[in-house]
């Protein structure tokens, strides 16, 4: 399957921008990867509350060194299991049930349990965060307060309340329902675009300024075209990323760190960044520069990925992607002076294009995932994974973090990877030895060829394992193996050549867990072992005189051990002796 993408259209005659046609602003496509990724079943989550399907919404892990994973069903139940067990199903354990622990719990199509996060001091009995876990969930409107939460009322109309809550975990490993307190209650005018993921920054050191701060994603309150103008309204927390220190302090339910808008009048000081429609997921890269990536679900035409930045205004509803949004469900090109405007634009985007034979058809909604880091599937290290979960095949996309770049000028949008802003590939998935889309995997499990949505969600284990969840068949799956991509092929283009060797040389000796930079075994350092892995797949073999000469020119060490390496060592030494004689 291929996917259409956004292009930039300009009237040349008088320099006047023309409107882009609704639903079909593009011609470009996203290619499939030339290599495959195996999807492996791990454990099946029980059905919820008489339903025929559990609705897996979010995954989390506690910083307690056990590696156990927690999966929340949107309808309330939270499950724990050990992914390293020979039979993970034998360890499946009910951690808690918010539908009974929280009175007036609200569970609908986009409400229920939406986020789960463990305090970074969860395992330290000398700290206030000991055994604390936080939830993002929904309650019926006007439900009695629990504790003394900060209250943000709904704009006109009240559908439900989005809640950030805190629980204490008992010694037996379950949530203590009597410990529940509410930190924040946010009125929602509609049932969609409400609260989403919550998370702590995994890169923050215990002595750093961001340690223990909880990030909270909030949509614009729902409805088409941001009817209440909340995306650009700093007086309300909607359409924003919030940041708080969730621990109670001096009678306050939480404290506000040094956020960008602290001290400004008529402003929700919890706001860290804003101008978002439905920032369904955010993730921190645990390697590289530790970037935050925000997946924001679009409306008219564009799904987007943004780089997190304190104080950023991502433009909704004045902008959608790198375009001007208008209420006619079409897009306009950005004005000539947009490079100096106040908006922060996406780093990756894709469009809704029902008229392109290679495009996703049906509904569209981006699902943000993690950045691959870990020894399990090293070929994915350094790649940000995301997907689409609407009425379509459920594609899983990947883009290398090296290609993600914050820009201001989109005057020649078609030159920026045909409008996608970074080179994206769709991963070819293999399940039980057969190439399948994620939707087909779910259809086969359900025995239902008419299943139309995946409702894809991603998870990430402590060891770097990437998980795929969905809201239909209850099977939690992981990415376990890459096929058709050999060690040394740093640019993932199907061959090992000088370009790959030069890249290894540029990063040799670095503590770096990126396949693209040369960490082919995923051990977090680019060293002689990685050079040896590349040499083993060099055209002509590791004893190639060409390779020996290149190693000598680049000052790289001769890989060892192995017979091939011995031949290569002799060749390199011969090259060096000849050069000394010359």
Protein backbone atom coordinates (compact mmCIF):
# COMPACT_ATOMS: atom_id res chain seq x y z
CA UNK A 1 0.00 0.00 0.00
CA UNK A 2 1.13 3.49 -0.72
CA UNK A 3 -0.04 6.79 0.67
CA UNK A 4 -0.66 10.17 -0.92
CA UNK A 5 1.02 13.27 0.40
CA UNK A 6 0.62 17.02 0.54
CA UNK A 7 2.06 19.30 -2.17
CA UNK A 8 2.23 23.03 -2.33
CA UNK A 9 0.22 24.81 -5.07
CA UNK A 10 0.86 28.43 -6.01
CA UNK A 11 -0.55 30.65 -8.74
CA UNK A 12 2.53 31.90 -10.56
CA UNK A 13 1.03 34.82 -12.48
CA UNK A 14 0.65 37.38 -9.71
CA UNK A 15 2.10 35.39 -6.83
CA UNK A 16 -1.41 34.75 -5.48
CA UNK A 17 -1.93 31.51 -3.55
CA UNK A 18 -4.84 29.36 -4.72
CA UNK A 19 -6.92 27.13 -2.47
CA UNK A 20 -5.96 23.48 -2.41
CA UNK A 21 -8.81 21.15 -3.40
CA UNK A 22 -10.65 19.60 -0.48
CA UNK A 23 -9.59 16.03 0.26
CA UNK A 24 -6.98 15.79 -2.49
CA UNK A 25 -4.15 18.31 -2.16
CA UNK A 26 -1.31 15.97 -3.19
CA UNK A 27 0.30 13.57 -5.64
CA UNK A 28 3.30 12.07 -3.84
CA UNK A 29 3.42 8.65 -2.15
CA UNK A 30 5.16 6.93 0.75
CA UNK A 31 7.04 3.79 -0.33
CA UNK A 32 7.07 0.50 1.47
CA UNK A 33 10.34 -0.55 3.03
CA UNK A 34 12.37 -3.01 0.99
CA UNK A 35 12.75 -5.07 4.19
CA UNK A 36 10.22 -6.72 6.47
CA UNK A 37 9.41 -6.60 10.17
CA UNK A 38 8.04 -9.65 11.97
CA UNK A 39 5.07 -9.17 14.29
CA UNK A 40 4.90 -11.74 17.11
CA UNK A 41 1.96 -12.48 19.44
CA UNK A 42 2.80 -12.05 23.14
CA UNK A 43 -0.29 -12.22 25.33
CA UNK A 44 -4.05 -11.88 25.02
CA UNK A 45 -5.86 -9.42 27.28
CA UNK A 46 -9.27 -10.63 28.59
CA UNK A 47 -12.47 -9.17 27.21
CA UNK A 48 -13.87 -6.28 29.21
CA UNK A 49 -17.27 -5.98 30.89
CA UNK A 50 -19.20 -8.41 28.77
CA UNK A 51 -17.83 -6.98 25.56
CA UNK A 52 -16.40 -9.21 22.87
CA UNK A 53 -13.28 -7.08 22.70
CA UNK A 54 -10.85 -5.46 25.14
CA UNK A 55 -9.91 -1.93 24.16
CA UNK A 56 -6.16 -1.70 24.79
CA UNK A 57 -5.41 2.01 25.09
CA UNK A 58 -2.05 2.59 26.75
CA UNK A 59 1.04 0.75 28.04
CA UNK A 60 3.33 1.78 30.87
CA UNK A 61 6.12 0.32 32.99
CA UNK A 62 7.04 1.02 36.60
CA UNK A 63 10.63 2.14 37.34
CA UNK A 64 11.17 -0.77 39.72
CA UNK A 65 13.64 -2.86 37.70
CA UNK A 66 11.22 -5.74 37.11
CA UNK A 67 10.55 -5.05 33.43
CA UNK A 68 6.88 -5.85 33.96
CA UNK A 69 4.43 -4.07 31.69
CA UNK A 70 1.03 -2.58 32.44
CA UNK A 71 -1.72 -2.38 29.82
CA UNK A 72 -4.86 -0.33 30.40
CA UNK A 73 -8.19 -1.28 28.86
CA UNK A 74 -10.04 1.91 27.97
CA UNK A 75 -13.09 0.60 29.85
CA UNK A 76 -11.22 0.63 33.16
CA UNK A 77 -9.21 -2.50 33.88
CA UNK A 78 -5.41 -2.36 34.05
CA UNK A 79 -3.41 -5.55 33.53
CA UNK A 80 0.18 -6.43 34.43
CA UNK A 81 2.37 -9.14 32.92
CA UNK A 82 6.01 -10.16 32.59
CA UNK A 83 7.10 -9.99 28.92
CA UNK A 84 10.27 -11.97 29.69
CA UNK A 85 8.37 -14.98 31.03
CA UNK A 86 8.33 -18.18 29.00
CA UNK A 87 4.55 -17.85 29.00
CA UNK A 88 3.58 -14.21 29.60
CA UNK A 89 -0.08 -15.22 29.90
CA UNK A 90 0.74 -17.15 33.07
CA UNK A 91 1.79 -13.88 34.70
CA UNK A 92 -1.27 -11.84 33.68
CA UNK A 93 -2.49 -10.04 36.78
CA UNK A 94 -5.22 -7.46 37.35
CA UNK A 95 -3.44 -4.39 38.67
CA UNK A 96 -6.58 -2.32 39.14
CA UNK A 97 -10.02 -1.43 37.82
CA UNK A 98 -10.80 2.26 37.51
CA UNK A 99 -14.40 1.56 36.57
CA UNK A 100 -15.01 0.46 40.17
CA UNK A 101 -12.29 2.48 41.94
CA UNK A 102 -13.61 5.76 40.53
CA UNK A 103 -17.24 6.68 41.09
CA UNK A 104 -19.14 7.98 38.05
CA UNK A 105 -16.48 6.58 35.74
CA UNK A 106 -17.26 7.53 32.14
CA UNK A 107 -16.40 5.15 29.32
CA UNK A 108 -17.27 5.94 25.72
CA UNK A 109 -15.78 5.91 22.24
CA UNK A 110 -13.06 8.40 23.21
CA UNK A 111 -13.47 8.45 26.98
CA UNK A 112 -12.43 6.09 29.76
CA UNK A 113 -8.84 5.30 30.74
CA UNK A 114 -6.62 7.37 28.48
CA UNK A 115 -3.26 7.53 30.23
CA UNK A 116 -1.15 5.75 32.86
CA UNK A 117 2.21 6.83 34.32
CA UNK A 118 4.34 5.76 37.30
CA UNK A 119 6.22 8.37 39.27
CA UNK A 120 9.99 8.12 38.67
CA UNK A 121 10.47 7.72 42.45
CA UNK A 122 8.00 4.83 42.52
CA UNK A 123 10.60 2.43 43.93
CA UNK A 124 12.29 4.83 46.37
CA UNK A 125 10.72 4.61 49.84
CA UNK A 126 12.50 7.79 50.96
CA UNK A 127 10.65 9.97 48.41
CA UNK A 128 7.13 11.39 48.22
CA UNK A 129 6.58 9.68 44.85
CA UNK A 130 7.00 6.22 46.40
CA UNK A 131 4.34 3.79 45.09
CA UNK A 132 2.50 6.60 43.27
CA UNK A 133 0.80 5.98 39.92
CA UNK A 134 -1.13 8.56 37.88
CA UNK A 135 -4.09 8.11 35.59
CA UNK A 136 -5.80 10.15 32.90
CA UNK A 137 -9.45 9.13 32.78
CA UNK A 138 -13.00 10.38 32.36
CA UNK A 139 -15.82 10.97 34.84
CA UNK A 140 -19.41 11.99 34.33
CA UNK A 141 -20.09 15.70 34.46
CA UNK A 142 -20.88 17.08 37.92
CA UNK A 143 -19.50 13.95 39.63
CA UNK A 144 -18.50 14.71 43.25
CA UNK A 145 -14.94 15.94 43.68
CA UNK A 146 -12.39 13.65 45.30
CA UNK A 147 -9.83 15.71 47.17
CA UNK A 148 -9.30 19.32 46.17
CA UNK A 149 -8.54 19.28 42.44
CA UNK A 150 -7.93 22.36 40.36
CA UNK A 151 -11.07 22.83 38.28
CA UNK A 152 -11.19 24.15 34.73
CA UNK A 153 -14.83 24.48 33.69
CA UNK A 154 -16.09 23.45 30.30
CA UNK A 155 -16.88 25.98 27.61
CA UNK A 156 -20.64 26.08 26.79
CA UNK A 157 -22.07 22.61 27.38
CA UNK A 158 -20.65 19.77 29.45
CA UNK A 159 -20.28 16.22 28.15
CA UNK A 160 -17.91 14.85 30.83
CA UNK A 161 -14.84 15.73 32.87
CA UNK A 162 -11.28 14.77 32.03
CA UNK A 163 -9.43 13.90 35.22
CA UNK A 164 -5.82 13.48 36.28
CA UNK A 165 -5.82 11.22 39.32
CA UNK A 166 -3.32 9.69 41.73
CA UNK A 167 -3.33 6.27 43.39
CA UNK A 168 -1.00 4.48 45.77
CA UNK A 169 0.05 0.93 44.92
CA UNK A 170 -0.27 -1.59 47.76
CA UNK A 171 2.41 -4.08 48.79
CA UNK A 172 0.47 -6.85 47.01
CA UNK A 173 0.95 -4.99 43.70
CA UNK A 174 -2.58 -3.67 43.25
CA UNK A 175 -4.01 -0.15 43.22
CA UNK A 176 -5.44 0.99 46.55
CA UNK A 177 -8.84 2.45 45.56
CA UNK A 178 -9.12 4.30 48.87
CA UNK A 179 -5.97 6.30 48.05
CA UNK A 180 -7.54 7.95 45.02
CA UNK A 181 -7.32 11.73 44.81
CA UNK A 182 -7.96 14.10 41.94
CA UNK A 183 -5.36 16.61 40.85
CA UNK A 184 -7.22 18.26 38.02
CA UNK A 185 -10.77 18.27 36.61
CA UNK A 186 -11.22 19.68 33.11
CA UNK A 187 -14.71 20.10 31.72
CA UNK A 188 -15.19 18.79 28.19
CA UNK A 189 -17.91 20.14 25.90
CA UNK A 190 -17.93 17.01 23.71
CA UNK A 191 -17.02 13.34 23.87
CA UNK A 192 -13.99 13.62 21.59
CA UNK A 193 -10.61 15.38 21.56
CA UNK A 194 -10.23 15.22 25.32
CA UNK A 195 -7.45 13.98 27.57
CA UNK A 196 -4.82 11.58 26.21
CA UNK A 197 -1.43 10.27 27.22
CA UNK A 198 0.37 11.30 30.39
CA UNK A 199 4.06 10.65 30.92
CA UNK A 200 7.19 11.63 32.80
CA UNK A 201 10.36 12.57 30.92
CA UNK A 202 12.50 9.40 31.04
CA UNK A 203 15.61 11.41 30.19
CA UNK A 204 15.39 13.73 33.21
CA UNK A 205 18.05 13.11 35.83
CA UNK A 206 17.10 13.14 39.54
CA UNK A 207 18.93 16.44 39.92
CA UNK A 208 17.54 17.94 36.72
CA UNK A 209 14.86 20.62 36.44
CA UNK A 210 12.40 18.34 34.62
CA UNK A 211 12.61 15.38 36.99
CA UNK A 212 9.23 14.35 38.39
CA UNK A 213 7.20 16.61 36.10
CA UNK A 214 4.14 15.05 34.53
CA UNK A 215 3.25 15.88 30.91
CA UNK A 216 -0.46 15.77 30.03
CA UNK A 217 -1.96 15.86 26.52
CA UNK A 218 -5.30 17.60 25.98
CA UNK A 219 -7.34 18.00 22.81
CA UNK A 220 -9.35 21.05 21.78
CA UNK A 221 -12.58 19.86 23.40
CA UNK A 222 -14.07 18.24 20.32
CA UNK A 223 -16.34 19.09 17.45
CA UNK A 224 -15.35 20.26 13.96
CA UNK A 225 -13.34 23.41 13.35
CA UNK A 226 -12.48 24.01 17.03
CA UNK A 227 -15.92 25.54 17.67
CA UNK A 228 -14.92 27.19 20.95
CA UNK A 229 -11.58 28.52 19.70
CA UNK A 230 -9.70 26.65 22.42
CA UNK A 231 -6.64 25.76 20.36
CA UNK A 232 -5.43 29.36 20.50
CA UNK A 233 -6.90 30.23 23.91
CA UNK A 234 -4.24 30.31 26.63
CA UNK A 235 -6.84 30.87 29.35
CA UNK A 236 -8.03 27.25 28.99
CA UNK A 237 -5.90 24.11 29.14
CA UNK A 238 -7.54 22.52 26.08
CA UNK A 239 -5.56 21.92 22.89
CA UNK A 240 -2.29 21.88 24.78
CA UNK A 241 0.49 19.96 26.45
CA UNK A 242 0.43 20.62 30.20
CA UNK A 243 3.29 20.13 32.64
CA UNK A 244 2.91 19.86 36.43
CA UNK A 245 4.68 18.41 39.44
CA UNK A 246 1.88 16.03 40.49
CA UNK A 247 2.86 15.58 44.14
CA UNK A 248 0.63 17.32 46.67
CA UNK A 249 2.33 20.27 48.34
CA UNK A 250 1.19 22.55 51.15
CA UNK A 251 -2.48 21.85 50.61
CA UNK A 252 -2.22 22.24 46.84
CA UNK A 253 -3.04 19.19 44.69
CA UNK A 254 0.08 19.82 42.58
CA UNK A 255 2.61 22.53 41.82
CA UNK A 256 3.50 24.22 38.56
CA UNK A 257 7.17 24.20 37.50
CA UNK A 258 8.85 26.92 35.44
CA UNK A 259 6.45 26.65 32.50
CA UNK A 260 6.60 29.25 29.73
CA UNK A 261 3.43 31.13 30.72
CA UNK A 262 3.82 31.22 34.49
CA UNK A 263 2.94 34.66 35.84
CA UNK A 264 1.01 35.78 32.77
CA UNK A 265 -2.51 37.13 33.34
CA UNK A 266 -5.55 35.18 32.13
CA UNK A 267 -3.41 32.17 31.33
CA UNK A 268 -3.55 28.54 32.40
CA UNK A 269 -0.06 28.35 33.84
CA UNK A 270 0.01 24.57 33.47
CA UNK A 271 0.37 25.01 29.69
CA UNK A 272 3.78 23.99 28.35
CA UNK A 273 2.88 24.18 24.61
CA UNK A 274 -0.38 24.76 22.75
CA UNK A 275 -2.17 25.11 19.40
CA UNK A 276 -2.98 21.39 19.08
CA UNK A 277 -6.17 19.70 17.90
CA UNK A 278 -5.92 16.22 19.40
CA UNK A 279 -2.37 15.42 20.57
CA UNK A 280 -3.25 11.80 21.07
CA UNK A 281 0.24 10.61 21.93
CA UNK A 282 3.63 12.00 22.82
CA UNK A 283 6.88 10.19 23.31
CA UNK A 284 10.43 10.98 24.40
CA UNK A 285 13.34 9.55 22.44
CA UNK A 286 15.48 7.80 25.06
CA UNK A 287 18.55 8.15 22.87
CA UNK A 288 20.01 10.79 20.60
CA UNK A 289 19.09 14.27 21.84
CA UNK A 290 16.10 13.08 23.87
CA UNK A 291 13.55 14.79 21.62
CA UNK A 292 9.84 14.87 22.42
CA UNK A 293 7.57 13.92 19.52
CA UNK A 294 3.86 14.80 19.50
CA UNK A 295 1.36 13.05 17.22
CA UNK A 296 -1.55 15.42 16.53
CA UNK A 297 -4.68 14.05 14.85
CA UNK A 298 -5.86 16.34 12.05
CA UNK A 299 -9.26 17.25 10.72
CA UNK A 300 -9.57 18.24 7.09
CA UNK A 301 -6.55 16.84 5.31
CA UNK A 302 -3.34 16.46 7.30
CA UNK A 303 -1.98 14.25 10.09
CA UNK A 304 1.13 15.62 11.72
CA UNK A 305 4.10 14.91 13.96
CA UNK A 306 5.60 17.80 15.92
CA UNK A 307 8.79 18.29 17.88
CA UNK A 308 7.99 19.26 21.46
CA UNK A 309 9.26 22.70 22.45
CA UNK A 310 8.43 24.77 25.52
CA UNK A 311 6.10 27.64 24.65
CA UNK A 312 5.49 26.46 21.08
CA UNK A 313 2.25 27.35 19.30
CA UNK A 314 1.51 24.58 16.80
CA UNK A 315 -1.12 26.62 15.03
CA UNK A 316 -4.47 24.85 15.37
CA UNK A 317 -7.00 26.00 14.28
CA UNK A 318 -5.26 28.65 12.19
CA UNK A 319 -3.01 25.97 10.73
CA UNK A 320 -3.25 22.29 9.86
CA UNK A 321 0.12 20.85 9.01
CA UNK A 322 2.17 23.24 6.90
CA UNK A 323 -1.01 24.86 5.54
CA UNK A 324 -3.61 27.46 6.41
CA UNK A 325 -6.75 25.76 7.74
CA UNK A 326 -10.18 26.97 6.75
CA UNK A 327 -13.61 25.73 7.75
CA UNK A 328 -14.52 24.55 4.27
CA UNK A 329 -12.53 21.35 4.93
CA UNK A 330 -9.91 22.53 2.47
CA UNK A 331 -6.45 23.98 2.94
CA UNK A 332 -4.74 27.12 1.67
CA UNK A 333 -1.02 27.53 1.05
CA UNK A 334 0.88 29.40 3.71
CA UNK A 335 1.20 33.15 3.18
CA UNK A 336 4.43 34.61 1.84
CA UNK A 337 5.61 35.80 5.25
CA UNK A 338 4.95 32.59 7.12
CA UNK A 339 8.63 31.96 7.92
CA UNK A 340 8.49 34.73 10.51
CA UNK A 341 5.05 33.96 11.95
CA UNK A 342 4.39 32.76 15.49
CA UNK A 343 3.62 29.15 14.65
CA UNK A 344 5.74 26.03 15.06
CA UNK A 345 5.20 23.71 12.10
CA UNK A 346 5.33 19.90 11.89
CA UNK A 347 8.44 17.86 11.18
CA UNK A 348 6.48 15.05 9.48
CA UNK A 349 3.05 15.15 7.85
CA UNK A 350 0.83 13.03 5.61
CA UNK A 351 -2.51 13.73 4.02
CA UNK A 352 -5.98 12.29 3.44
CA UNK A 353 -6.23 11.54 -0.26
CA UNK A 354 -9.21 9.39 -1.28
CA UNK A 355 -8.63 10.16 -4.98
CA UNK A 356 -5.15 8.66 -5.10
CA UNK A 357 -5.22 4.93 -5.87
CA UNK A 358 -2.23 4.40 -3.59
CA UNK A 359 -3.61 6.38 -0.67
CA UNK A 360 -5.21 5.36 2.58
CA UNK A 361 -8.96 5.36 2.07
CA UNK A 362 -11.61 5.90 4.70
CA UNK A 363 -11.01 7.81 7.91
CA UNK A 364 -7.61 8.99 9.06
CA UNK A 365 -6.03 9.40 12.47
CA UNK A 366 -2.34 9.33 13.35
CA UNK A 367 -1.11 7.08 16.17
CA UNK A 368 2.21 8.14 17.63
CA UNK A 369 4.71 5.51 18.67
CA UNK A 370 8.21 5.28 20.17
CA UNK A 371 11.71 5.79 18.83
CA UNK A 372 13.41 2.42 18.47
CA UNK A 373 16.22 1.96 21.01
CA UNK A 374 17.47 -1.41 22.26
CA UNK A 375 19.27 -4.59 21.28
CA UNK A 376 16.10 -6.55 20.43
CA UNK A 377 15.58 -5.19 16.90
CA UNK A 378 18.66 -3.01 16.30
CA UNK A 379 17.71 -2.29 12.67
CA UNK A 380 14.89 -0.07 13.98
CA UNK A 381 17.12 1.86 16.36
CA UNK A 382 16.96 5.58 15.75
CA UNK A 383 13.69 5.34 13.84
CA UNK A 384 10.48 6.99 15.06
CA UNK A 385 7.50 4.71 14.51
CA UNK A 386 3.95 5.91 14.02
CA UNK A 387 0.88 4.73 12.18
CA UNK A 388 -2.72 5.37 11.21
CA UNK A 389 -5.66 3.71 12.94
CA UNK A 390 -8.76 4.81 11.01
CA UNK A 391 -10.77 2.84 8.49
CA UNK A 392 -7.81 1.57 6.51
CA UNK A 393 -5.14 -1.12 6.51
CA UNK A 394 -3.51 0.17 9.68
CA UNK A 395 -0.15 1.14 8.21
CA UNK A 396 2.91 1.36 10.43
CA UNK A 397 5.31 4.08 9.32
CA UNK A 398 8.92 4.82 10.22
CA UNK A 399 11.21 7.82 9.79
CA UNK A 400 14.81 8.12 10.89
CA UNK A 401 15.39 10.71 13.60
CA UNK A 402 18.34 12.04 11.58
CA UNK A 403 15.85 13.30 9.00
CA UNK A 404 13.56 15.08 11.44
CA UNK A 405 14.21 18.80 11.24
CA UNK A 406 12.38 21.82 12.60
CA UNK A 407 11.77 24.31 9.78
CA UNK A 408 10.13 27.70 9.37
CA UNK A 409 10.12 28.14 5.59
CA UNK A 410 7.80 25.96 3.48
CA UNK A 411 7.74 28.16 0.37
CA UNK A 412 8.91 25.22 -1.72
CA UNK A 413 7.04 22.48 0.08
CA UNK A 414 7.24 19.99 -2.77
CA UNK A 415 11.04 19.95 -2.39
CA UNK A 416 10.74 18.72 1.20
CA UNK A 417 10.25 15.02 0.46
CA UNK A 418 7.22 15.82 -1.69
CA UNK A 419 5.57 17.52 1.26
CA UNK A 420 6.07 14.85 3.92
CA UNK A 421 8.95 16.95 5.33
CA UNK A 422 11.06 13.84 6.00
CA UNK A 423 11.53 10.53 4.14
CA UNK A 424 8.93 8.15 5.57
CA UNK A 425 8.55 4.46 4.78
CA UNK A 426 5.69 2.09 5.47
CA UNK A 427 6.93 -1.07 7.16
CA UNK A 428 6.17 -4.39 5.51
CA UNK A 429 4.75 -6.58 8.29
CA UNK A 430 5.07 -10.36 8.51
CA UNK A 431 2.90 -12.40 10.89
CA UNK A 432 3.14 -16.19 11.26
CA UNK A 433 5.37 -16.29 8.17
CA UNK A 434 2.96 -14.37 5.93
CA UNK A 435 3.06 -10.77 4.71
CA UNK A 436 -0.02 -9.00 6.07
CA UNK A 437 -1.25 -5.54 6.91
CA UNK A 438 -1.99 -4.91 10.58
CA UNK A 439 -5.71 -4.85 9.76
CA UNK A 440 -5.45 -8.27 8.10
CA UNK A 441 -3.69 -9.66 11.17
CA UNK A 442 -6.63 -8.52 13.31
CA UNK A 443 -9.22 -9.76 10.80
CA UNK A 444 -7.63 -13.22 10.77
CA UNK A 445 -7.54 -13.38 14.58
CA UNK A 446 -11.19 -12.34 14.83
CA UNK A 447 -12.34 -14.41 11.86
CA UNK A 448 -14.06 -11.24 10.70
CA UNK A 449 -13.15 -10.12 7.16
CA UNK A 450 -15.38 -7.08 7.59
CA UNK A 451 -13.38 -5.53 10.44
CA UNK A 452 -12.65 -2.00 9.18
CA UNK A 453 -10.41 -0.40 11.83
CA UNK A 454 -7.27 -1.31 13.71
CA UNK A 455 -7.39 1.38 16.42
CA UNK A 456 -3.64 0.90 16.56
CA UNK A 457 -1.71 1.89 19.66
CA UNK A 458 2.01 1.49 20.39
CA UNK A 459 3.82 0.43 23.54
CA UNK A 460 7.48 0.41 24.58
CA UNK A 461 9.21 -1.90 27.04
CA UNK A 462 12.10 -1.14 29.36
CA UNK A 463 14.37 -3.23 27.12
CA UNK A 464 13.40 -1.23 24.03
CA UNK A 465 10.90 -3.75 22.68
CA UNK A 466 8.20 -2.11 20.55
CA UNK A 467 4.64 -3.37 21.00
CA UNK A 468 1.52 -3.06 18.85
CA UNK A 469 -1.88 -2.92 20.55
CA UNK A 470 -5.40 -2.56 19.21
CA UNK A 471 -8.97 -2.30 20.49
CA UNK A 472 -10.47 -5.36 18.82
CA UNK A 473 -8.83 -8.79 19.10
CA UNK A 474 -7.15 -8.37 22.51
CA UNK A 475 -3.78 -9.67 21.30
CA UNK A 476 -0.73 -7.70 22.36
CA UNK A 477 2.06 -8.09 19.81
CA UNK A 478 5.70 -7.06 19.52
CA UNK A 479 8.11 -6.34 16.69
CA UNK A 480 10.67 -9.13 16.91
CA UNK A 481 12.77 -9.46 13.76
CA UNK A 482 13.78 -7.57 10.63
CA UNK A 483 14.24 -9.54 7.40
CA UNK A 484 16.04 -8.55 4.22
CA UNK A 485 18.34 -6.03 5.89
CA UNK A 486 21.94 -7.12 6.51
CA UNK A 487 24.42 -5.86 9.11
CA UNK A 488 26.35 -2.90 7.75
CA UNK A 489 23.51 -1.49 5.62
CA UNK A 490 23.26 1.69 7.67
CA UNK A 491 21.01 3.58 5.24
CA UNK A 492 18.69 0.55 4.86
CA UNK A 493 18.86 0.74 1.04
CA UNK A 494 19.59 -2.92 0.38
CA UNK A 495 23.37 -2.92 -0.05
CA UNK A 496 26.55 -2.40 1.93
CA UNK A 497 28.84 0.15 0.31
CA UNK A 498 31.28 2.98 0.88
CA UNK A 499 28.51 5.28 2.08
CA UNK A 500 27.79 2.88 4.95
CA UNK A 501 31.47 2.57 5.83
CA UNK A 502 31.97 6.34 5.80
CA UNK A 503 29.04 6.75 8.18
CA UNK A 504 30.53 4.20 10.60
CA UNK A 505 33.84 6.05 10.42
CA UNK A 506 32.10 9.36 11.20
CA UNK A 507 30.60 7.92 14.38
CA UNK A 508 33.26 5.39 15.36
CA UNK A 509 33.90 5.29 19.10
CA UNK A 510 30.67 7.08 19.97
CA UNK A 511 28.23 5.92 22.62
CA UNK A 512 25.34 5.79 20.19
CA UNK A 513 22.43 3.37 19.76
CA UNK A 514 21.47 4.11 16.19
CA UNK A 515 21.59 1.68 13.29
CA UNK A 516 21.99 4.57 10.87
CA UNK A 517 25.20 5.63 12.64
CA UNK A 518 26.66 2.12 12.68
CA UNK A 519 25.54 0.38 15.89
CA UNK A 520 24.64 -2.82 14.09
CA UNK A 521 24.52 -5.09 17.15
CA UNK A 522 22.52 -2.67 19.28
CA UNK A 523 24.96 -2.60 22.20
CA UNK A 524 25.02 1.19 22.39
CA UNK A 525 28.54 1.81 21.12
CA UNK A 526 29.98 1.95 17.60
CA UNK A 527 33.16 -0.07 17.68
CA UNK A 528 35.33 -2.70 16.03
CA UNK A 529 32.56 -5.30 16.34
CA UNK A 530 30.30 -3.14 14.17
CA UNK A 531 33.08 -2.68 11.60
CA UNK A 532 33.42 -6.46 11.54
CA UNK A 533 29.69 -6.93 10.98
CA UNK A 534 29.84 -4.52 8.06
CA UNK A 535 32.94 -6.23 6.65
CA UNK A 536 31.16 -9.58 6.73
CA UNK A 537 28.62 -8.27 4.19
CA UNK A 538 31.00 -6.21 2.04
CA UNK A 539 30.84 -6.97 -1.72
CA UNK A 540 33.62 -9.44 -2.39
CA UNK A 541 33.75 -10.48 1.25
CA UNK A 542 35.72 -9.23 4.24
CA UNK A 543 39.03 -9.96 2.49
CA UNK A 544 38.28 -7.44 -0.28
CA UNK A 545 41.40 -5.32 -1.01
CA UNK A 546 39.06 -2.38 -1.68
CA UNK A 547 37.69 -2.67 1.85
CA UNK A 548 41.20 -2.99 3.25
CA UNK A 549 42.24 0.21 1.51
CA UNK A 550 39.16 2.08 2.72
CA UNK A 551 39.73 0.96 6.29
CA UNK A 552 43.29 2.19 6.06
CA UNK A 553 42.21 5.53 4.54
CA UNK A 554 39.59 6.05 7.23
CA UNK A 555 41.88 5.02 10.08
CA UNK A 556 39.46 2.33 11.23
CA UNK A 557 40.74 -0.70 13.15
CA UNK A 558 40.76 -4.12 11.57
CA UNK A 559 37.80 -6.13 12.84
CA UNK A 560 38.35 -9.32 14.76
CA UNK A 561 38.09 -12.25 15.31
CA UNK A 562 37.30 -14.76 12.51
CA UNK A 563 39.07 -16.20 9.46
CA UNK A 564 37.70 -13.49 7.21
CA UNK A 565 38.95 -10.87 9.61
CA UNK A 566 42.39 -12.45 9.61
CA UNK A 567 42.55 -12.24 5.82
CA UNK A 568 41.29 -8.67 6.03
CA UNK A 569 43.92 -7.84 8.65
CA UNK A 570 46.64 -9.18 6.38
CA UNK A 571 45.28 -7.12 3.49
CA UNK A 572 45.16 -3.94 5.54
CA UNK A 573 48.69 -4.50 6.81
CA UNK A 574 49.88 -5.06 3.25
CA UNK A 575 48.23 -1.82 2.12
CA UNK A 576 49.86 0.07 4.98
CA UNK A 577 53.32 -1.42 4.26
CA UNK A 578 53.00 -0.53 0.58
CA UNK A 579 52.07 3.04 1.44
CA UNK A 580 55.01 3.37 3.79
CA UNK A 581 57.38 2.11 1.04
CA UNK A 582 55.82 4.56 -1.40
